[in-house]
Amino acid sequence: MNLPNLLAYTRTAAAPVVLGLIIAEQYGVAVVVFTFAAVTDFADGYLARRWQVTTVLGAFLDSVADKALVTGALVALLQVNRMWAWAAFVIIIRELAVMALRGVAAMDKEAIPPSVWGKLKAVVQFVAIGSAMVRPVEQWGSFYPDEWLMLIAIGVTVASGVDYFVKAGRMLRST
């Protein structure tokens, strides 16, 4: 096993820990574990490319780990009333739709490469979710700061999903 894959496994293992910590309202510890796991998302891909150890398994593990971490945190934040249900729904549906699209592309022996939108989506989601864990007591206008960040995350999430489907549509039509 290579280090990038180990990092993806670590991120997957962190997901239920983060979920449990949020539900137990241990937000400080939850955000530390979540932040560590989020950093592994960027480290595993970087190291795999740099060391030239990219694998199909690694790409799969990375995707599963991301979905587990984000979905688990969103569900837990819903449970403690720090997340809008509609926002969690949009993010989770986008992730499932893109995963399904990747499966369709894979059946056609195609791989849809990651885009800058996908990377930006990950960063903004991680920041918004982490911010919800350490929510300050005061709102900024109508919303808490993490809710403003979540609105941005939703916009970037939708934009990255549209970008992904447009690219996939072009690729699949040309085959």
C-alpha atoms as a PDB file:
ATOM      1  CA  MET A   1       0.000   0.000   0.000  1.00  0.00           C
ATOM      2  CA  ASN A   2       1.288   3.456  -0.846  1.00  0.00           C
ATOM      3  CA  LEU A   3       1.036   6.560   1.332  1.00  0.00           C
ATOM      4  CA  PRO A   4      -1.571   8.364  -0.827  1.00  0.00           C
ATOM      5  CA  ASN A   5      -3.935   5.380  -0.528  1.00  0.00           C
ATOM      6  CA  LEU A   6      -3.264   5.191   3.215  1.00  0.00           C
ATOM      7  CA  LEU A   7      -4.248   8.869   3.492  1.00  0.00           C
ATOM      8  CA  ALA A   8      -7.518   8.139   1.671  1.00  0.00           C
ATOM      9  CA  TYR A   9      -8.218   5.240   4.044  1.00  0.00           C
ATOM     10  CA  THR A  10      -7.453   7.555   6.964  1.00  0.00           C
ATOM     11  CA  ARG A  11      -9.920  10.143   5.645  1.00  0.00           C
ATOM     12  CA  THR A  12     -12.586   7.447   5.298  1.00  0.00           C
ATOM     13  CA  ALA A  13     -11.945   6.288   8.872  1.00  0.00           C
ATOM     14  CA  ALA A  14     -12.176   9.889  10.102  1.00  0.00           C
ATOM     15  CA  ALA A  15     -15.703  10.334   8.714  1.00  0.00           C
ATOM     16  CA  PRO A  16     -17.601   8.414  11.428  1.00  0.00           C
ATOM     17  CA  VAL A  17     -15.343   9.935  14.089  1.00  0.00           C
ATOM     18  CA  VAL A  18     -16.243  13.447  12.907  1.00  0.00           C
ATOM     19  CA  LEU A  19     -19.920  12.490  12.734  1.00  0.00           C
ATOM     20  CA  GLY A  20     -19.856  11.175  16.302  1.00  0.00           C
ATOM     21  CA  LEU A  21     -17.978  14.179  17.644  1.00  0.00           C
ATOM     22  CA  ILE A  22     -20.449  16.598  16.055  1.00  0.00           C
ATOM     23  CA  ILE A  23     -23.457  14.732  17.422  1.00  0.00           C
ATOM     24  CA  ALA A  24     -21.779  14.691  20.852  1.00  0.00           C
ATOM     25  CA  GLU A  25     -21.336  18.467  20.407  1.00  0.00           C
ATOM     26  CA  GLN A  26     -17.567  18.186  20.756  1.00  0.00           C
ATOM     27  CA  TYR A  27     -17.122  20.809  18.053  1.00  0.00           C
ATOM     28  CA  GLY A  28     -13.529  21.792  18.834  1.00  0.00           C
ATOM     29  CA  VAL A  29     -12.249  18.229  18.528  1.00  0.00           C
ATOM     30  CA  ALA A  30     -14.545  17.599  15.544  1.00  0.00           C
ATOM     31  CA  VAL A  31     -13.119  20.535  13.595  1.00  0.00           C
ATOM     32  CA  VAL A  32      -9.537  19.421  14.318  1.00  0.00           C
ATOM     33  CA  VAL A  33     -10.211  15.873  13.069  1.00  0.00           C
ATOM     34  CA  PHE A  34     -12.222  17.221  10.113  1.00  0.00           C
ATOM     35  CA  THR A  35      -9.469  19.681   9.157  1.00  0.00           C
ATOM     36  CA  PHE A  36      -6.815  16.958   9.339  1.00  0.00           C
ATOM     37  CA  ALA A  37      -8.984  14.726   7.141  1.00  0.00           C
ATOM     38  CA  ALA A  38      -9.617  17.576   4.682  1.00  0.00           C
ATOM     39  CA  VAL A  39      -5.879  18.231   4.376  1.00  0.00           C
ATOM     40  CA  THR A  40      -5.336  14.561   3.515  1.00  0.00           C
ATOM     41  CA  ASP A  41      -7.665  15.087   0.539  1.00  0.00           C
ATOM     42  CA  PHE A  42      -5.182  17.457  -1.014  1.00  0.00           C
ATOM     43  CA  ALA A  43      -2.087  15.593   0.173  1.00  0.00           C
ATOM     44  CA  ASP A  44      -3.048  12.205  -1.244  1.00  0.00           C
ATOM     45  CA  GLY A  45      -3.596  13.437  -4.788  1.00  0.00           C
ATOM     46  CA  TYR A  46      -0.514  15.634  -4.732  1.00  0.00           C
ATOM     47  CA  LEU A  47       1.712  12.835  -3.461  1.00  0.00           C
ATOM     48  CA  ALA A  48       0.272  10.265  -5.863  1.00  0.00           C
ATOM     49  CA  ARG A  49       1.005  12.520  -8.832  1.00  0.00           C
ATOM     50  CA  ARG A  50       4.411  13.598  -7.572  1.00  0.00           C
ATOM     51  CA  TRP A  51       5.550  10.060  -6.792  1.00  0.00           C
ATOM     52  CA  GLN A  52       3.823   8.708  -9.912  1.00  0.00           C
ATOM     53  CA  VAL A  53       1.800   6.173  -7.947  1.00  0.00           C
ATOM     54  CA  THR A  54      -1.654   7.108  -9.223  1.00  0.00           C
ATOM     55  CA  THR A  55      -3.916   4.064  -9.447  1.00  0.00           C
ATOM     56  CA  VAL A  56      -7.530   3.288 -10.256  1.00  0.00           C
ATOM     57  CA  LEU A  57      -7.899   2.101  -6.655  1.00  0.00           C
ATOM     58  CA  GLY A  58      -6.439   5.364  -5.375  1.00  0.00           C
ATOM     59  CA  ALA A  59      -8.837   7.471  -7.443  1.00  0.00           C
ATOM     60  CA  PHE A  60     -11.755   5.357  -6.213  1.00  0.00           C
ATOM     61  CA  LEU A  61     -10.627   5.553  -2.571  1.00  0.00           C
ATOM     62  CA  ASP A  62     -10.186   9.320  -2.850  1.00  0.00           C
ATOM     63  CA  SER A  63     -13.709   9.758  -4.179  1.00  0.00           C
ATOM     64  CA  VAL A  64     -15.286   7.475  -1.566  1.00  0.00           C
ATOM     65  CA  ALA A  65     -13.334   9.118   1.258  1.00  0.00           C
ATOM     66  CA  ASP A  66     -14.448  12.594   0.186  1.00  0.00           C
ATOM     67  CA  LYS A  67     -18.096  11.558  -0.043  1.00  0.00           C
ATOM     68  CA  ALA A  68     -17.964   9.820   3.348  1.00  0.00           C
ATOM     69  CA  LEU A  69     -16.343  12.788   5.079  1.00  0.00           C
ATOM     70  CA  VAL A  70     -18.581  15.479   3.586  1.00  0.00           C
ATOM     71  CA  THR A  71     -21.829  13.500   3.765  1.00  0.00           C
ATOM     72  CA  GLY A  72     -21.165  12.330   7.319  1.00  0.00           C
ATOM     73  CA  ALA A  73     -20.395  15.851   8.495  1.00  0.00           C
ATOM     74  CA  LEU A  74     -23.464  17.291   6.750  1.00  0.00           C
ATOM     75  CA  VAL A  75     -25.787  14.687   8.267  1.00  0.00           C
ATOM     76  CA  ALA A  76     -24.329  15.269  11.732  1.00  0.00           C
ATOM     77  CA  LEU A  77     -24.615  19.042  11.359  1.00  0.00           C
ATOM     78  CA  LEU A  78     -28.260  18.586  10.368  1.00  0.00           C
ATOM     79  CA  GLN A  79     -28.790  16.582  13.542  1.00  0.00           C
ATOM     80  CA  VAL A  80     -27.482  19.438  15.721  1.00  0.00           C
ATOM     81  CA  ASN A  81     -29.277  22.166  13.731  1.00  0.00           C
ATOM     82  CA  ARG A  82     -26.161  23.704  12.232  1.00  0.00           C
ATOM     83  CA  MET A  83     -27.010  22.913   8.610  1.00  0.00           C
ATOM     84  CA  TRP A  84     -29.937  23.643   6.333  1.00  0.00           C
ATOM     85  CA  ALA A  85     -31.589  20.465   5.060  1.00  0.00           C
ATOM     86  CA  TRP A  86     -31.894  21.879   1.548  1.00  0.00           C
ATOM     87  CA  ALA A  87     -28.170  22.726   1.444  1.00  0.00           C
ATOM     88  CA  ALA A  88     -27.176  19.242   2.558  1.00  0.00           C
ATOM     89  CA  PHE A  89     -29.579  17.819  -0.036  1.00  0.00           C
ATOM     90  CA  VAL A  90     -28.055  19.869  -2.880  1.00  0.00           C
ATOM     91  CA  ILE A  91     -24.506  18.850  -1.965  1.00  0.00           C
ATOM     92  CA  ILE A  92     -25.304  15.172  -1.459  1.00  0.00           C
ATOM     93  CA  ILE A  93     -27.384  14.918  -4.658  1.00  0.00           C
ATOM     94  CA  ARG A  94     -24.602  16.596  -6.659  1.00  0.00           C
ATOM     95  CA  GLU A  95     -22.054  14.133  -5.270  1.00  0.00           C
ATOM     96  CA  LEU A  96     -24.262  11.134  -6.075  1.00  0.00           C
ATOM     97  CA  ALA A  97     -25.050  12.439  -9.567  1.00  0.00           C
ATOM     98  CA  VAL A  98     -21.381  12.997 -10.385  1.00  0.00           C
ATOM     99  CA  MET A  99     -20.496   9.570  -8.999  1.00  0.00           C
ATOM    100  CA  ALA A 100     -23.183   8.002 -11.224  1.00  0.00           C
ATOM    101  CA  LEU A 101     -21.905   9.949 -14.220  1.00  0.00           C
ATOM    102  CA  ARG A 102     -18.375   8.708 -13.551  1.00  0.00           C
ATOM    103  CA  GLY A 103     -19.762   5.175 -13.542  1.00  0.00           C
ATOM    104  CA  VAL A 104     -21.444   5.705 -16.916  1.00  0.00           C
ATOM    105  CA  ALA A 105     -18.241   7.171 -18.337  1.00  0.00           C
ATOM    106  CA  ALA A 106     -16.221   4.261 -16.945  1.00  0.00           C
ATOM    107  CA  MET A 107     -18.517   1.790 -18.719  1.00  0.00           C
ATOM    108  CA  ASP A 108     -17.561   3.567 -21.950  1.00  0.00           C
ATOM    109  CA  LYS A 109     -13.888   3.312 -20.931  1.00  0.00           C
ATOM    110  CA  GLU A 110     -13.784   7.066 -20.418  1.00  0.00           C
ATOM    111  CA  ALA A 111     -12.449   9.020 -17.460  1.00  0.00           C
ATOM    112  CA  ILE A 112     -13.648  12.535 -16.804  1.00  0.00           C
ATOM    113  CA  PRO A 113     -10.674  14.436 -15.414  1.00  0.00           C
ATOM    114  CA  PRO A 114     -11.010  16.600 -12.318  1.00  0.00           C
ATOM    115  CA  SER A 115     -11.491  20.290 -12.983  1.00  0.00           C
ATOM    116  CA  VAL A 116     -10.561  23.450 -11.163  1.00  0.00           C
ATOM    117  CA  TRP A 117     -14.264  23.741 -10.243  1.00  0.00           C
ATOM    118  CA  GLY A 118     -14.102  20.408  -8.435  1.00  0.00           C
ATOM    119  CA  LYS A 119     -11.027  21.468  -6.467  1.00  0.00           C
ATOM    120  CA  LEU A 120     -12.622  24.815  -5.592  1.00  0.00           C
ATOM    121  CA  LYS A 121     -15.810  23.010  -4.561  1.00  0.00           C
ATOM    122  CA  ALA A 122     -13.872  20.797  -2.174  1.00  0.00           C
ATOM    123  CA  VAL A 123     -12.085  23.750  -0.567  1.00  0.00           C
ATOM    124  CA  VAL A 124     -15.225  25.840  -0.140  1.00  0.00           C
ATOM    125  CA  GLN A 125     -17.235  22.895   1.196  1.00  0.00           C
ATOM    126  CA  PHE A 126     -14.502  22.003   3.681  1.00  0.00           C
ATOM    127  CA  VAL A 127     -14.281  25.606   4.900  1.00  0.00           C
ATOM    128  CA  ALA A 128     -18.072  25.992   5.193  1.00  0.00           C
ATOM    129  CA  ILE A 129     -18.522  22.670   6.993  1.00  0.00           C
ATOM    130  CA  GLY A 130     -15.601  23.306   9.339  1.00  0.00           C
ATOM    131  CA  SER A 131     -16.945  26.785  10.077  1.00  0.00           C
ATOM    132  CA  ALA A 132     -20.341  25.328  11.014  1.00  0.00           C
ATOM    133  CA  MET A 133     -18.595  23.247  13.667  1.00  0.00           C
ATOM    134  CA  VAL A 134     -17.124  26.335  15.338  1.00  0.00           C
ATOM    135  CA  ARG A 135     -20.054  28.676  14.785  1.00  0.00           C
ATOM    136  CA  PRO A 136     -19.761  31.985  16.662  1.00  0.00           C
ATOM    137  CA  VAL A 137     -22.684  33.108  18.778  1.00  0.00           C
ATOM    138  CA  GLU A 138     -23.461  36.209  16.723  1.00  0.00           C
ATOM    139  CA  GLN A 139     -24.991  36.378  13.284  1.00  0.00           C
ATOM    140  CA  TRP A 140     -23.801  38.569  10.433  1.00  0.00           C
ATOM    141  CA  GLY A 141     -27.043  40.108   9.292  1.00  0.00           C
ATOM    142  CA  SER A 142     -29.574  37.366   8.611  1.00  0.00           C
ATOM    143  CA  PHE A 143     -27.148  34.446   8.872  1.00  0.00           C
ATOM    144  CA  TYR A 144     -24.242  33.070  10.844  1.00  0.00           C
ATOM    145  CA  PRO A 145     -20.846  33.374   9.090  1.00  0.00           C
ATOM    146  CA  ASP A 146     -20.808  29.636   8.323  1.00  0.00           C
ATOM    147  CA  GLU A 147     -24.224  29.963   6.660  1.00  0.00           C
ATOM    148  CA  TRP A 148     -22.906  32.691   4.367  1.00  0.00           C
ATOM    149  CA  LEU A 149     -19.999  30.378   3.536  1.00  0.00           C
ATOM    150  CA  MET A 150     -22.448  27.539   2.902  1.00  0.00           C
ATOM    151  CA  LEU A 151     -24.348  29.706   0.414  1.00  0.00           C
ATOM    152  CA  ILE A 152     -21.074  30.214  -1.459  1.00  0.00           C
ATOM    153  CA  ALA A 153     -20.361  26.479  -1.216  1.00  0.00           C
ATOM    154  CA  ILE A 154     -23.776  25.698  -2.707  1.00  0.00           C
ATOM    155  CA  GLY A 155     -23.109  28.037  -5.636  1.00  0.00           C
ATOM    156  CA  VAL A 156     -19.699  26.500  -6.327  1.00  0.00           C
ATOM    157  CA  THR A 157     -21.104  22.979  -5.837  1.00  0.00           C
ATOM    158  CA  VAL A 158     -23.833  23.576  -8.421  1.00  0.00           C
ATOM    159  CA  ALA A 159     -21.384  25.251 -10.838  1.00  0.00           C
ATOM    160  CA  SER A 160     -18.929  22.360 -10.546  1.00  0.00           C
ATOM    161  CA  GLY A 161     -21.735  19.858 -11.136  1.00  0.00           C
ATOM    162  CA  VAL A 162     -22.895  21.698 -14.252  1.00  0.00           C
ATOM    163  CA  ASP A 163     -19.287  21.894 -15.491  1.00  0.00           C
ATOM    164  CA  TYR A 164     -18.832  18.176 -14.902  1.00  0.00           C
ATOM    165  CA  PHE A 165     -22.037  17.245 -16.754  1.00  0.00           C
ATOM    166  CA  VAL A 166     -21.238  19.531 -19.700  1.00  0.00           C
ATOM    167  CA  LYS A 167     -17.746  18.018 -20.061  1.00  0.00           C
ATOM    168  CA  ALA A 168     -19.073  14.493 -19.663  1.00  0.00           C
ATOM    169  CA  GLY A 169     -21.819  15.112 -22.202  1.00  0.00           C
ATOM    170  CA  ARG A 170     -19.309  16.302 -24.787  1.00  0.00           C
ATOM    171  CA  MET A 171     -16.991  13.394 -24.073  1.00  0.00           C
ATOM    172  CA  LEU A 172     -19.695  10.734 -24.187  1.00  0.00           C
ATOM    173  CA  ARG A 173     -21.289  12.148 -27.364  1.00  0.00           C
ATOM    174  CA  SER A 174     -17.929  12.072 -29.149  1.00  0.00           C
ATOM    175  CA  THR A 175     -17.422   8.343 -28.478  1.00  0.00           C
END
